[in-house]
Amino acid sequence: MTHRELYGGLIHLHLLHHAAVRPIYGFSMIEELAGRGYKLSPGTLYPILHGLEKKGYLRSNERRIGAHGSTGCDIGGRTNDWGGGLNPNVVR
């Protein structure tokens, strides 16, 4: 396993961990991950989120906030593949 593969896997786990707790939004996750030492641009994060959604790990939901629409993601149906969901201690 390369450093890049490990780093990418940790980002995926971190995103899934937060989505298991509450809906996540792209910009807030960029800020959250930056606080953990990950430097991601929207051009990196959004394709990751779309890929996780396409594989069934996330589910997107559009919500109206004021005059603007915002798309949040939460955990999709494939969490059962992990035997009951994510272990919250994995990402801590």
Foldseek 3Di string as FASTA:
>chain_A
DDPVVVVVVLLLLVVQLVLAVDWDFDVVSCVVVVVVVDHDDCVRPVVSVVVCVVVFQKDWDWDDDPPDIGITIHGGDCQVVVVPHDDNVPND
